[in-house]
Structures are given as structure tokens and as C-alpha cells.
Amino acid sequence: MLNIEAITFFMSKKTKLENLSKIYGIGNHSFLIIKKKIGANCRLKNLFIKELHLTNSNQLLFNIKTEKKLKMDTKESINYLKKLKSFKGIRHKLGYPCRGQRTHTNAKTAKKLKNKF
């Protein structure tokens, strides 16, 4: 479980709730969902946010996949595709784009880095 108090906040002008978007796996959309469920005004300073809002946000963050869980899930899914030897798995293994982008004129840096090793 993530603890909001343990996270180092980079921007001193922003509130603690606004800094939730710095966590890996929480973007603008999930931040808006959290803000609506908590019912807090995000324009308030750190001192004026109630402890109730912080505890509610901790409970909501517990249900969302963030940080290590999310990274491990993506690694597992890529390794599963490699194990199946599917088209996407082979493209991941070779280091080429796997979502249909062209490689004739683009993705040359990925090709160069893979060929050197």
C-alpha cells in the first residue's frame, strides 16, 4: 500500500493531492476520479487539507495498481507474449516497434542499438 506521507513531493506550490499524479500509474484521468470520490478541493494548500481526505485517498490508492505492481504486470505480459512466440512477442524480442509502426524510415535508433550488441 502506498502512503502519501512517505512520497517525496517535488513541487512545493502544489498540494499533496495534486502530487498524486507524480506516482507511476496515476495519470490525469485517474487523478480526477480520485478527486471526485474523495470530495476534496484540490486548490487548497497543504495545511488546509483534512486528514479525512488523505486517509480516503490512501484507501483508494490501495485498490489501484501502481508502481511495482503495474511494472511487474507489464513485464509478465511481455514475457508471456515472448513465450507464446506471437508476432508482438517476436517484435519485442528483436527490439522493433510492435504496434504496427513502419520501420523503413522510422525506429532506426532501436535498430542501431540492437545491432551493436
Protein backbone atom coordinates (compact mmCIF):
# COMPACT_ATOMS: atom_id res chain seq x y z
CA MET A 1 0.00 0.00 0.00
CA LEU A 2 1.28 3.46 -0.85
CA ASN A 3 1.46 6.02 1.89
CA ILE A 4 1.02 9.60 0.74
CA GLU A 5 3.10 10.95 3.59
CA ALA A 6 6.08 8.80 2.56
CA ILE A 7 6.13 10.11 -1.01
CA THR A 8 8.63 12.88 -1.66
CA PHE A 9 6.85 15.78 -3.28
CA PHE A 10 8.78 17.70 -5.89
CA MET A 11 6.64 20.80 -6.23
CA SER A 12 6.15 22.84 -3.06
CA LYS A 13 3.43 25.06 -4.58
CA LYS A 14 1.15 22.15 -5.44
CA THR A 15 -0.98 20.34 -2.91
CA LYS A 16 -0.43 16.78 -1.79
CA LEU A 17 -3.40 15.60 -3.79
CA GLU A 18 -2.06 17.24 -6.97
CA ASN A 19 1.24 15.44 -6.47
CA LEU A 20 -0.53 12.10 -6.74
CA SER A 21 -0.09 12.41 -10.49
CA LYS A 22 3.68 12.03 -9.94
CA ILE A 23 3.11 8.39 -8.93
CA TYR A 24 3.75 5.90 -11.71
CA GLY A 25 0.39 4.61 -12.88
CA ILE A 26 -1.75 7.59 -11.91
CA GLY A 27 -2.48 9.96 -14.75
CA ASN A 28 -4.88 12.83 -15.21
CA HIS A 29 -7.96 10.64 -15.63
CA SER A 30 -7.38 8.50 -12.54
CA PHE A 31 -6.48 11.65 -10.57
CA LEU A 32 -9.85 13.20 -11.49
CA ILE A 33 -11.63 10.02 -10.39
CA ILE A 34 -9.81 10.06 -7.04
CA LYS A 35 -10.58 13.76 -6.57
CA LYS A 36 -14.29 13.20 -7.19
CA LYS A 37 -14.51 10.20 -4.87
CA ILE A 38 -12.72 11.99 -2.05
CA GLY A 39 -14.66 15.21 -2.45
CA ALA A 40 -11.70 17.48 -1.69
CA ASN A 41 -10.93 20.87 -3.17
CA CYS A 42 -7.52 20.48 -4.81
CA ARG A 43 -6.82 24.21 -4.86
CA LEU A 44 -6.35 24.35 -1.11
CA LYS A 45 -2.86 24.46 0.38
CA ASN A 46 -1.29 21.50 2.17
CA LEU A 47 -2.20 22.86 5.59
CA PHE A 48 -5.92 23.11 4.86
CA ILE A 49 -6.46 19.60 3.51
CA LYS A 50 -8.22 17.49 6.09
CA GLU A 51 -6.79 14.21 7.33
CA LEU A 52 -10.02 12.55 6.25
CA HIS A 53 -9.21 13.32 2.61
CA LEU A 54 -5.72 11.83 2.94
CA THR A 55 -6.96 8.64 4.57
CA ASN A 56 -9.67 8.24 1.92
CA SER A 57 -7.09 8.72 -0.82
CA ASN A 58 -4.85 6.09 0.81
CA GLN A 59 -7.75 3.63 0.71
CA LEU A 60 -8.44 4.39 -2.95
CA LEU A 61 -4.77 4.03 -3.88
CA PHE A 62 -4.71 0.61 -2.29
CA ASN A 63 -7.18 -0.62 -4.94
CA ILE A 64 -5.33 0.90 -7.91
CA LYS A 65 -2.33 -0.86 -9.46
CA THR A 66 0.64 1.49 -9.12
CA GLU A 67 4.43 1.45 -9.06
CA LYS A 68 5.85 -2.08 -8.68
CA LYS A 69 2.60 -3.96 -9.27
CA LEU A 70 1.98 -2.19 -12.56
CA LYS A 71 5.58 -2.61 -13.75
CA MET A 72 5.58 -6.30 -12.87
CA ASP A 73 2.28 -6.87 -14.68
CA THR A 74 3.59 -5.27 -17.87
CA LYS A 75 6.82 -7.32 -17.69
CA GLU A 76 4.85 -10.51 -17.16
CA SER A 77 2.56 -9.79 -20.11
CA ILE A 78 5.54 -9.08 -22.41
CA ASN A 79 7.31 -12.24 -21.25
CA TYR A 80 4.11 -14.21 -21.85
CA LEU A 81 3.95 -12.89 -25.43
CA LYS A 82 7.60 -13.86 -25.94
CA LYS A 83 6.93 -17.33 -24.59
CA LEU A 84 4.00 -17.80 -26.98
CA LYS A 85 6.21 -16.62 -29.86
CA SER A 86 3.43 -14.39 -31.11
CA PHE A 87 4.08 -11.57 -33.56
CA LYS A 88 4.17 -8.95 -30.80
CA GLY A 89 6.47 -11.13 -28.69
CA ILE A 90 8.93 -11.56 -31.55
CA ARG A 91 8.91 -7.81 -32.22
CA HIS A 92 9.59 -7.14 -28.52
CA LYS A 93 12.44 -9.63 -28.57
CA LEU A 94 14.03 -8.02 -31.64
CA GLY A 95 13.51 -4.51 -30.27
CA TYR A 96 11.31 -3.36 -33.14
CA PRO A 97 8.03 -1.45 -32.77
CA CYS A 98 5.24 -3.95 -32.18
CA ARG A 99 2.15 -1.81 -32.70
CA GLY A 100 2.25 -1.55 -36.47
CA GLN A 101 4.59 1.41 -36.93
CA ARG A 102 6.76 1.38 -40.00
CA THR A 103 10.45 0.57 -39.71
CA HIS A 104 11.66 1.57 -43.18
CA THR A 105 12.10 5.23 -42.26
CA ASN A 106 11.39 5.25 -38.52
CA ALA A 107 12.70 3.35 -35.49
CA LYS A 108 16.28 3.50 -36.75
CA THR A 109 17.75 4.17 -33.31
CA ALA A 110 16.20 0.99 -31.94
CA LYS A 111 17.69 -0.96 -34.85
CA LYS A 112 21.14 0.58 -34.34
CA LEU A 113 21.20 -0.14 -30.62
CA LYS A 114 20.12 -3.75 -31.12
CA ASN A 115 22.68 -4.40 -33.89
CA LYS A 116 25.65 -3.17 -31.81
CA PHE A 117 25.20 -5.73 -29.08
